[in-house]
């Protein structure tokens, strides 16, 4: 008999209690970090090239989502993504308050450019409304796409669906597509409308950033897989899985129905043989 599901708030509480704190901490840190680093553009020699430093953090967000999706399912990963987004908005609000408080940043110096440097720090940490809106829309849409696509791709693996190859392929494909969407949505909302980027720059920059982010995930995905296997070995998240994600077992046991059908056919043949005798 399946346990009776409780309210959504109870589900969120159980989920937070079951996902390891280090996993959630890295996820929240990466979301906040990539939005801060999105303020710094990398100098590129060609006019049609554009890239910011947010990719140094964004790969970690998607690798964390891939691990959470594999262990807890896409619904759980979507919930954590929304919580991370809300956390980022809270931090952005706190940074904005800090930027409007009169004072001097320690690295602004004491020369004649002190005020200009101090103002630059305030703008970088305080952010602007269109960057916050653009980054929020881009992250939320790409997170949902990544989680759902990652889960759907996982169902395609009939043999050894819990092996590293299956984990890697579903993660790389979902990350590449979702990261490109994330970069494209942000570039269209922010860079195209407020920084005079051309469509060519939007398309090329979105692709280049996706490649950089995917490269980082390829490098660090073995660590994510090892941590995933650790969670499975230690049965981490059992309470949440038992209460809300019983359907996750279908992926592991998806070959069983076929075996059952084969057994039924064999039983029918045996019965016919008996009748003939």
Protein backbone atom coordinates (compact mmCIF):
# COMPACT_ATOMS: atom_id res chain seq x y z
CA UNK A 1 0.00 0.00 0.00
CA UNK A 2 1.40 3.40 -1.01
CA UNK A 3 1.85 6.02 1.74
CA UNK A 4 -0.68 8.81 1.62
CA UNK A 5 0.72 12.03 0.16
CA UNK A 6 0.57 15.16 2.25
CA UNK A 7 0.37 18.87 1.44
CA UNK A 8 2.79 20.66 -0.87
CA UNK A 9 4.41 22.57 2.01
CA UNK A 10 4.96 19.30 3.82
CA UNK A 11 6.53 17.88 0.68
CA UNK A 12 8.91 20.83 0.48
CA UNK A 13 9.83 20.40 4.13
CA UNK A 14 10.48 16.67 3.72
CA UNK A 15 12.49 17.32 0.56
CA UNK A 16 14.71 19.90 2.23
CA UNK A 17 15.29 17.54 5.15
CA UNK A 18 16.23 14.70 2.80
CA UNK A 19 18.51 16.42 0.29
CA UNK A 20 22.05 16.71 1.69
CA UNK A 21 22.82 20.24 2.85
CA UNK A 22 26.08 20.33 0.91
CA UNK A 23 24.16 19.69 -2.31
CA UNK A 24 21.66 22.48 -1.64
CA UNK A 25 24.41 24.84 -0.45
CA UNK A 26 26.46 24.43 -3.63
CA UNK A 27 23.33 24.91 -5.70
CA UNK A 28 22.32 28.15 -3.94
CA UNK A 29 25.92 29.41 -4.01
CA UNK A 30 26.24 28.78 -7.75
CA UNK A 31 22.95 30.56 -8.56
CA UNK A 32 23.94 33.65 -6.56
CA UNK A 33 27.50 33.55 -7.88
CA UNK A 34 26.63 33.30 -11.56
CA UNK A 35 24.29 36.28 -11.29
CA UNK A 36 27.05 38.38 -9.73
CA UNK A 37 29.62 37.33 -12.33
CA UNK A 38 27.18 38.06 -15.15
CA UNK A 39 28.11 41.72 -14.59
CA UNK A 40 31.62 41.18 -15.95
CA UNK A 41 32.09 40.71 -19.70
CA UNK A 42 35.21 39.06 -21.10
CA UNK A 43 37.18 41.09 -23.65
CA UNK A 44 36.86 39.42 -27.03
CA UNK A 45 38.83 40.38 -30.13
CA UNK A 46 35.95 40.01 -32.58
CA UNK A 47 32.87 42.24 -32.42
CA UNK A 48 30.52 39.31 -32.99
CA UNK A 49 31.93 37.46 -29.97
CA UNK A 50 30.60 38.09 -26.47
CA UNK A 51 30.99 36.19 -23.21
CA UNK A 52 30.69 36.94 -19.50
CA UNK A 53 32.28 35.23 -16.51
CA UNK A 54 29.03 33.70 -15.17
CA UNK A 55 29.91 30.37 -16.83
CA UNK A 56 32.45 29.80 -14.03
CA UNK A 57 29.48 29.14 -11.73
CA UNK A 58 26.58 28.16 -13.97
CA UNK A 59 27.90 24.67 -14.79
CA UNK A 60 27.70 23.84 -11.08
CA UNK A 61 24.02 24.76 -10.99
CA UNK A 62 23.19 22.39 -13.82
CA UNK A 63 25.35 19.54 -12.54
CA UNK A 64 23.64 19.83 -9.16
CA UNK A 65 20.22 19.78 -10.84
CA UNK A 66 21.22 16.68 -12.80
CA UNK A 67 22.23 14.86 -9.61
CA UNK A 68 19.03 15.90 -7.80
CA UNK A 69 16.88 14.91 -10.79
CA UNK A 70 18.48 11.48 -11.03
CA UNK A 71 18.04 10.75 -7.33
CA UNK A 72 14.83 12.58 -6.41
CA UNK A 73 13.07 13.19 -9.73
CA UNK A 74 12.32 16.31 -11.82
CA UNK A 75 9.59 17.59 -9.50
CA UNK A 76 12.02 17.72 -6.58
CA UNK A 77 14.66 19.40 -8.72
CA UNK A 78 12.12 21.99 -9.90
CA UNK A 79 11.17 22.73 -6.29
CA UNK A 80 14.80 23.24 -5.28
CA UNK A 81 15.35 25.43 -8.37
CA UNK A 82 12.46 27.72 -7.39
CA UNK A 83 13.80 27.94 -3.84
CA UNK A 84 17.24 28.81 -5.20
CA UNK A 85 15.68 31.52 -7.38
CA UNK A 86 13.86 32.98 -4.38
CA UNK A 87 17.08 32.83 -2.41
CA UNK A 88 18.90 34.67 -5.18
CA UNK A 89 16.24 37.40 -5.23
CA UNK A 90 16.62 37.76 -1.46
CA UNK A 91 20.40 38.11 -1.78
CA UNK A 92 19.96 40.59 -4.63
CA UNK A 93 17.70 42.68 -2.39
CA UNK A 94 20.26 42.58 0.44
CA UNK A 95 23.06 43.54 -1.98
CA UNK A 96 20.92 46.43 -3.22
CA UNK A 97 20.39 47.68 0.34
CA UNK A 98 24.15 47.49 0.93
CA UNK A 99 24.79 49.46 -2.29
CA UNK A 100 22.53 52.37 -1.31
CA UNK A 101 23.91 52.68 2.22
CA UNK A 102 26.37 55.62 2.25
CA UNK A 103 29.93 54.42 2.62
CA UNK A 104 33.15 53.48 0.89
CA UNK A 105 34.21 50.10 -0.44
CA UNK A 106 37.62 48.98 0.82
CA UNK A 107 39.02 48.55 -2.71
CA UNK A 108 37.88 51.95 -4.00
CA UNK A 109 41.20 53.53 -3.04
CA UNK A 110 42.00 57.07 -2.01
CA UNK A 111 42.88 58.71 -5.32
CA UNK A 112 40.85 61.14 -7.42
CA UNK A 113 38.84 58.28 -8.95
CA UNK A 114 37.63 57.05 -5.58
CA UNK A 115 34.03 58.16 -6.07
CA UNK A 116 33.80 56.63 -9.56
CA UNK A 117 35.25 53.32 -8.37
CA UNK A 118 32.97 53.29 -5.34
CA UNK A 119 29.95 53.93 -7.57
CA UNK A 120 31.02 51.08 -9.87
CA UNK A 121 31.11 48.70 -6.92
CA UNK A 122 27.66 49.85 -5.83
CA UNK A 123 26.23 49.23 -9.30
CA UNK A 124 27.90 45.83 -9.62
CA UNK A 125 26.60 44.53 -6.32
CA UNK A 126 23.35 46.48 -6.28
CA UNK A 127 22.40 45.26 -9.72
CA UNK A 128 19.74 46.66 -12.01
CA UNK A 129 16.15 45.58 -12.42
CA UNK A 130 16.47 44.33 -15.99
CA UNK A 131 19.45 42.12 -15.16
CA UNK A 132 17.58 40.57 -12.22
CA UNK A 133 14.45 40.05 -14.36
CA UNK A 134 16.46 38.61 -17.24
CA UNK A 135 18.54 36.27 -15.10
CA UNK A 136 15.48 35.07 -13.16
CA UNK A 137 13.47 34.33 -16.31
CA UNK A 138 16.43 32.62 -17.96
CA UNK A 139 17.28 30.47 -14.95
CA UNK A 140 13.73 29.36 -14.19
CA UNK A 141 12.89 28.41 -17.78
CA UNK A 142 16.17 26.59 -18.36
CA UNK A 143 16.00 24.79 -15.00
CA UNK A 144 12.57 23.33 -15.72
CA UNK A 145 13.61 22.33 -19.25
CA UNK A 146 16.83 20.75 -17.98
CA UNK A 147 15.12 18.75 -15.24
CA UNK A 148 12.28 17.45 -17.41
CA UNK A 149 14.55 16.68 -20.36
CA UNK A 150 17.12 14.96 -18.16
CA UNK A 151 14.43 12.74 -16.64
CA UNK A 152 12.89 11.93 -20.03
CA UNK A 153 16.26 11.00 -21.51
CA UNK A 154 16.95 8.74 -18.54
CA UNK A 155 13.93 6.62 -19.44
CA UNK A 156 15.49 5.79 -22.82
CA UNK A 157 18.26 3.73 -21.24
CA UNK A 158 17.03 0.14 -20.96
CA UNK A 159 20.34 -1.43 -20.05
CA UNK A 160 22.23 -0.19 -17.03
CA UNK A 161 20.19 3.02 -16.59
CA UNK A 162 22.04 3.74 -13.35
CA UNK A 163 25.56 3.53 -14.85
CA UNK A 164 27.89 6.44 -15.50
CA UNK A 165 27.37 6.40 -19.28
CA UNK A 166 23.62 6.85 -18.85
CA UNK A 167 24.13 9.57 -16.24
CA UNK A 168 26.70 11.37 -18.39
CA UNK A 169 24.75 11.28 -21.65
CA UNK A 170 21.46 12.43 -20.13
CA UNK A 171 23.31 15.18 -18.25
CA UNK A 172 25.35 16.41 -21.22
CA UNK A 173 22.41 16.56 -23.62
CA UNK A 174 20.00 18.20 -21.18
CA UNK A 175 22.65 20.65 -20.00
CA UNK A 176 23.66 21.67 -23.52
CA UNK A 177 20.07 22.39 -24.57
CA UNK A 178 19.01 24.03 -21.31
CA UNK A 179 22.20 26.10 -21.02
CA UNK A 180 21.74 27.45 -24.53
CA UNK A 181 18.16 28.41 -23.69
CA UNK A 182 19.35 30.05 -20.47
CA UNK A 183 22.00 32.07 -22.29
CA UNK A 184 19.66 32.98 -25.15
CA UNK A 185 16.80 34.16 -22.91
CA UNK A 186 19.14 36.29 -20.80
CA UNK A 187 20.89 37.76 -23.85
CA UNK A 188 17.60 38.62 -25.56
CA UNK A 189 16.06 40.25 -22.47
CA UNK A 190 19.17 42.06 -21.25
CA UNK A 191 21.99 42.31 -23.79
CA UNK A 192 19.88 42.77 -26.92
CA UNK A 193 17.52 45.36 -25.41
CA UNK A 194 19.85 47.27 -23.07
CA UNK A 195 23.42 46.75 -24.34
CA UNK A 196 22.80 47.00 -28.09
CA UNK A 197 23.89 43.46 -28.92
CA UNK A 198 23.07 42.25 -32.39
CA UNK A 199 21.15 39.03 -33.02
CA UNK A 200 24.39 37.49 -34.27
CA UNK A 201 26.08 38.33 -30.97
CA UNK A 202 23.15 36.88 -29.03
CA UNK A 203 23.21 33.60 -30.97
CA UNK A 204 26.99 33.21 -31.01
CA UNK A 205 27.50 34.26 -27.39
CA UNK A 206 24.78 31.86 -26.25
CA UNK A 207 26.50 29.02 -28.07
CA UNK A 208 30.02 29.85 -26.90
CA UNK A 209 28.92 30.15 -23.29
CA UNK A 210 27.02 26.87 -23.57
CA UNK A 211 30.16 25.12 -24.86
CA UNK A 212 32.24 26.54 -21.99
CA UNK A 213 29.64 25.49 -19.41
CA UNK A 214 29.28 22.03 -20.94
CA UNK A 215 33.05 21.55 -20.89
CA UNK A 216 33.12 22.23 -17.15
CA UNK A 217 30.27 19.78 -16.57
CA UNK A 218 32.05 17.09 -18.59
CA UNK A 219 35.16 17.58 -16.45
CA UNK A 220 33.34 17.48 -13.11
CA UNK A 221 30.48 15.07 -13.91
CA UNK A 222 32.42 12.05 -12.55
CA UNK A 223 32.43 13.75 -9.14
CA UNK A 224 28.69 14.36 -9.40
CA UNK A 225 28.16 10.70 -10.32
CA UNK A 226 30.27 9.49 -7.39
CA UNK A 227 28.25 11.63 -5.01
CA UNK A 228 25.04 10.30 -6.56
CA UNK A 229 26.18 6.71 -5.98
CA UNK A 230 27.06 7.65 -2.40
CA UNK A 231 23.50 8.88 -1.85
CA UNK A 232 22.10 5.69 -3.34
CA UNK A 233 24.40 3.47 -1.27
CA UNK A 234 23.56 5.27 1.98
CA UNK A 235 19.86 5.38 0.99
CA UNK A 236 19.82 9.15 1.41
CA UNK A 237 16.40 10.61 0.70
CA UNK A 238 14.45 7.44 1.52
CA UNK A 239 11.73 9.33 3.41
CA UNK A 240 10.98 11.61 0.46
CA UNK A 241 11.18 8.80 -2.08
CA UNK A 242 8.79 6.65 -0.06
CA UNK A 243 6.27 9.46 0.40
CA UNK A 244 6.29 11.27 -2.93
CA UNK A 245 8.39 9.61 -5.59
CA UNK A 246 7.41 5.94 -5.66
CA UNK A 247 7.18 6.27 -9.44
CA UNK A 248 10.97 6.63 -9.56
CA UNK A 249 11.17 2.88 -9.08
CA UNK A 250 9.49 2.43 -12.46
CA UNK A 251 12.68 3.50 -14.19
CA UNK A 252 14.76 0.87 -12.43
CA UNK A 253 12.11 -1.81 -12.83
CA UNK A 254 10.86 -0.84 -16.26
CA UNK A 255 11.97 -4.20 -17.72
CA UNK A 256 9.89 -6.12 -15.20
CA UNK A 257 6.57 -5.71 -17.08
CA UNK A 258 8.20 -7.31 -20.12
CA UNK A 259 9.34 -10.23 -17.97
CA UNK A 260 5.89 -10.56 -16.54
CA UNK A 261 4.40 -10.68 -20.04
CA UNK A 262 6.90 -13.36 -21.02
CA UNK A 263 5.99 -15.39 -17.94
CA UNK A 264 2.30 -15.07 -18.75
CA UNK A 265 2.90 -16.29 -22.31
CA UNK A 266 4.95 -19.22 -21.04
CA UNK A 267 2.24 -20.10 -18.52
CA UNK A 268 -0.40 -20.00 -21.25
CA UNK A 269 1.71 -22.32 -23.42
CA UNK A 270 2.18 -24.71 -20.50
CA UNK A 271 -1.58 -24.73 -19.91
CA UNK A 272 -2.22 -25.49 -23.57
CA UNK A 273 0.31 -28.30 -23.48
CA UNK A 274 -1.40 -29.76 -20.43
CA UNK A 275 -4.76 -29.56 -22.15
CA UNK A 276 -3.39 -31.37 -25.20
CA UNK A 277 -2.05 -34.11 -22.99
